[in-house]
C-alpha cells in the first residue's frame, strides 16, 4: 500500500501551520501537536489569497499610469506629425504647381 502524500517526508512541516492547523485536517499532525517546528503555511504567506497585496496593487497602478502617460505622449506626437505631414503635402502640391507653371512658361517662349 502506498502512503498518502501527507505521510511522506516533511509534508506536514512544509504545509501545516501551528496557527492555521493541519492542511489535511489530521488529528495527529506533528505541527499541531508541537513536535515539529514548521515554516509559515500558504495561508500565512498569502499564497492561497487571490486578492493582491497593497504593494502589488500600487505597482499595477503605476504601470497603468505610465502606460497611459505613454499613450498620451504618442497621441500628441502623432498629432504633431500629422500636422507636419499635411504641411509638407501642401508644400509639395504648391511646388508641383509652380514647376508646371514654369514648364508652361518655358514652352510658350520656344
C-alpha atoms as a PDB file:
ATOM      1  CA  UNK A   1       0.000   0.000   0.000  1.00  0.00           C
ATOM      2  CA  UNK A   2       1.283   3.487  -0.926  1.00  0.00           C
ATOM      3  CA  UNK A   3       1.322   6.032   1.869  1.00  0.00           C
ATOM      4  CA  UNK A   4      -0.779   9.182   1.437  1.00  0.00           C
ATOM      5  CA  UNK A   5       1.083  12.277   0.332  1.00  0.00           C
ATOM      6  CA  UNK A   6       0.868  13.915   3.763  1.00  0.00           C
ATOM      7  CA  UNK A   7       2.646  10.935   5.328  1.00  0.00           C
ATOM      8  CA  UNK A   8       5.702  11.200   3.057  1.00  0.00           C
ATOM      9  CA  UNK A   9       8.831  13.110   4.102  1.00  0.00           C
ATOM     10  CA  UNK A  10       8.306  16.517   5.648  1.00  0.00           C
ATOM     11  CA  UNK A  11       4.865  17.163   4.184  1.00  0.00           C
ATOM     12  CA  UNK A  12       3.438  18.376   7.481  1.00  0.00           C
ATOM     13  CA  UNK A  13       6.476  20.549   8.197  1.00  0.00           C
ATOM     14  CA  UNK A  14       6.269  22.211   4.780  1.00  0.00           C
ATOM     15  CA  UNK A  15       2.487  22.609   4.531  1.00  0.00           C
ATOM     16  CA  UNK A  16       0.953  22.805   8.011  1.00  0.00           C
ATOM     17  CA  UNK A  17       0.925  25.688  10.450  1.00  0.00           C
ATOM     18  CA  UNK A  18       0.663  25.999  14.230  1.00  0.00           C
ATOM     19  CA  UNK A  19      -1.754  28.907  13.725  1.00  0.00           C
ATOM     20  CA  UNK A  20      -3.912  27.588  10.872  1.00  0.00           C
ATOM     21  CA  UNK A  21      -3.658  23.886  11.682  1.00  0.00           C
ATOM     22  CA  UNK A  22      -3.060  20.825   9.560  1.00  0.00           C
ATOM     23  CA  UNK A  23      -3.511  21.185   5.823  1.00  0.00           C
ATOM     24  CA  UNK A  24      -5.100  17.738   5.715  1.00  0.00           C
ATOM     25  CA  UNK A  25      -7.075  18.140   8.982  1.00  0.00           C
ATOM     26  CA  UNK A  26      -5.272  15.263  10.666  1.00  0.00           C
ATOM     27  CA  UNK A  27      -5.649  14.941  14.414  1.00  0.00           C
ATOM     28  CA  UNK A  28      -2.149  13.522  14.847  1.00  0.00           C
ATOM     29  CA  UNK A  29      -0.369  16.265  12.844  1.00  0.00           C
ATOM     30  CA  UNK A  30       3.114  16.756  14.341  1.00  0.00           C
ATOM     31  CA  UNK A  31       2.985  20.504  13.689  1.00  0.00           C
ATOM     32  CA  UNK A  32      -0.291  20.981  15.550  1.00  0.00           C
ATOM     33  CA  UNK A  33       0.952  18.688  18.332  1.00  0.00           C
ATOM     34  CA  UNK A  34       4.085  20.839  18.589  1.00  0.00           C
ATOM     35  CA  UNK A  35       6.623  18.077  17.960  1.00  0.00           C
ATOM     36  CA  UNK A  36       7.792  19.580  14.641  1.00  0.00           C
ATOM     37  CA  UNK A  37       8.664  23.223  14.093  1.00  0.00           C
ATOM     38  CA  UNK A  38       7.109  24.366  10.795  1.00  0.00           C
ATOM     39  CA  UNK A  39       7.718  27.234   8.447  1.00  0.00           C
ATOM     40  CA  UNK A  40       4.882  29.598   7.515  1.00  0.00           C
ATOM     41  CA  UNK A  41       1.977  27.951   5.719  1.00  0.00           C
ATOM     42  CA  UNK A  42       0.398  29.061   2.442  1.00  0.00           C
ATOM     43  CA  UNK A  43      -2.301  30.989   4.316  1.00  0.00           C
ATOM     44  CA  UNK A  44       0.320  32.862   6.362  1.00  0.00           C
ATOM     45  CA  UNK A  45       2.221  33.714   3.187  1.00  0.00           C
ATOM     46  CA  UNK A  46      -0.961  34.729   1.359  1.00  0.00           C
ATOM     47  CA  UNK A  47      -0.377  32.220  -1.455  1.00  0.00           C
ATOM     48  CA  UNK A  48      -3.975  30.985  -1.383  1.00  0.00           C
ATOM     49  CA  UNK A  49      -5.331  34.516  -1.226  1.00  0.00           C
ATOM     50  CA  UNK A  50      -6.340  35.777  -4.677  1.00  0.00           C
ATOM     51  CA  UNK A  51      -6.517  39.381  -3.540  1.00  0.00           C
ATOM     52  CA  UNK A  52      -3.432  41.406  -4.462  1.00  0.00           C
ATOM     53  CA  UNK A  53      -1.300  42.940  -1.766  1.00  0.00           C
ATOM     54  CA  UNK A  54      -1.210  46.706  -1.476  1.00  0.00           C
ATOM     55  CA  UNK A  55       2.296  46.761  -2.976  1.00  0.00           C
ATOM     56  CA  UNK A  56       1.204  44.667  -5.964  1.00  0.00           C
ATOM     57  CA  UNK A  57      -1.868  46.877  -6.429  1.00  0.00           C
ATOM     58  CA  UNK A  58       0.204  50.060  -6.325  1.00  0.00           C
ATOM     59  CA  UNK A  59       2.767  48.589  -8.740  1.00  0.00           C
ATOM     60  CA  UNK A  60      -0.042  47.717 -11.155  1.00  0.00           C
ATOM     61  CA  UNK A  61      -1.458  51.243 -10.833  1.00  0.00           C
ATOM     62  CA  UNK A  62       1.953  52.800 -11.505  1.00  0.00           C
ATOM     63  CA  UNK A  63       2.380  50.596 -14.570  1.00  0.00           C
ATOM     64  CA  UNK A  64      -1.065  51.618 -15.812  1.00  0.00           C
ATOM     65  CA  UNK A  65      -0.321  55.314 -15.242  1.00  0.00           C
ATOM     66  CA  UNK A  66       2.984  55.019 -17.122  1.00  0.00           C
ATOM     67  CA  UNK A  67       1.182  53.205 -19.937  1.00  0.00           C
ATOM     68  CA  UNK A  68      -1.486  55.914 -20.166  1.00  0.00           C
ATOM     69  CA  UNK A  69       1.149  58.640 -19.974  1.00  0.00           C
ATOM     70  CA  UNK A  70       2.990  56.924 -22.812  1.00  0.00           C
ATOM     71  CA  UNK A  71      -0.224  56.699 -24.829  1.00  0.00           C
ATOM     72  CA  UNK A  72      -0.863  60.425 -24.312  1.00  0.00           C
ATOM     73  CA  UNK A  73       2.671  61.261 -25.443  1.00  0.00           C
ATOM     74  CA  UNK A  74       2.274  59.063 -28.535  1.00  0.00           C
ATOM     75  CA  UNK A  75      -1.078  60.646 -29.343  1.00  0.00           C
ATOM     76  CA  UNK A  76       0.416  64.159 -29.084  1.00  0.00           C
ATOM     77  CA  UNK A  77       3.399  63.120 -31.230  1.00  0.00           C
ATOM     78  CA  UNK A  78       1.071  61.569 -33.830  1.00  0.00           C
ATOM     79  CA  UNK A  79      -0.993  64.764 -33.993  1.00  0.00           C
ATOM     80  CA  UNK A  80       2.137  66.865 -34.447  1.00  0.00           C
ATOM     81  CA  UNK A  81       3.416  64.517 -37.165  1.00  0.00           C
ATOM     82  CA  UNK A  82       0.041  64.517 -38.935  1.00  0.00           C
ATOM     83  CA  UNK A  83       0.053  68.333 -38.941  1.00  0.00           C
ATOM     84  CA  UNK A  84       3.627  68.433 -40.259  1.00  0.00           C
ATOM     85  CA  UNK A  85       2.729  65.799 -42.868  1.00  0.00           C
ATOM     86  CA  UNK A  86      -0.196  67.898 -44.067  1.00  0.00           C
ATOM     87  CA  UNK A  87       2.020  70.977 -44.328  1.00  0.00           C
ATOM     88  CA  UNK A  88       4.609  69.031 -46.343  1.00  0.00           C
ATOM     89  CA  UNK A  89       1.951  67.618 -48.696  1.00  0.00           C
ATOM     90  CA  UNK A  90       0.583  71.129 -49.284  1.00  0.00           C
ATOM     91  CA  UNK A  91       4.092  72.412 -49.950  1.00  0.00           C
ATOM     92  CA  UNK A  92       4.744  69.585 -52.437  1.00  0.00           C
ATOM     93  CA  UNK A  93       1.489  70.412 -54.243  1.00  0.00           C
ATOM     94  CA  UNK A  94       2.493  74.070 -54.408  1.00  0.00           C
ATOM     95  CA  UNK A  95       5.950  73.197 -55.742  1.00  0.00           C
ATOM     96  CA  UNK A  96       4.409  70.902 -58.355  1.00  0.00           C
ATOM     97  CA  UNK A  97       2.050  73.687 -59.441  1.00  0.00           C
ATOM     98  CA  UNK A  98       4.949  76.157 -59.667  1.00  0.00           C
ATOM     99  CA  UNK A  99       7.035  73.655 -61.645  1.00  0.00           C
ATOM    100  CA  UNK A 100       4.136  73.013 -64.021  1.00  0.00           C
ATOM    101  CA  UNK A 101       3.560  76.768 -64.465  1.00  0.00           C
ATOM    102  CA  UNK A 102       7.265  77.322 -65.042  1.00  0.00           C
ATOM    103  CA  UNK A 103       7.311  74.488 -67.596  1.00  0.00           C
ATOM    104  CA  UNK A 104       4.345  76.091 -69.398  1.00  0.00           C
ATOM    105  CA  UNK A 105       6.137  79.450 -69.493  1.00  0.00           C
ATOM    106  CA  UNK A 106       9.264  77.847 -70.957  1.00  0.00           C
ATOM    107  CA  UNK A 107       7.279  76.072 -73.676  1.00  0.00           C
ATOM    108  CA  UNK A 108       5.474  79.347 -74.579  1.00  0.00           C
ATOM    109  CA  UNK A 109       8.770  81.141 -75.194  1.00  0.00           C
ATOM    110  CA  UNK A 110      10.142  78.475 -77.518  1.00  0.00           C
END
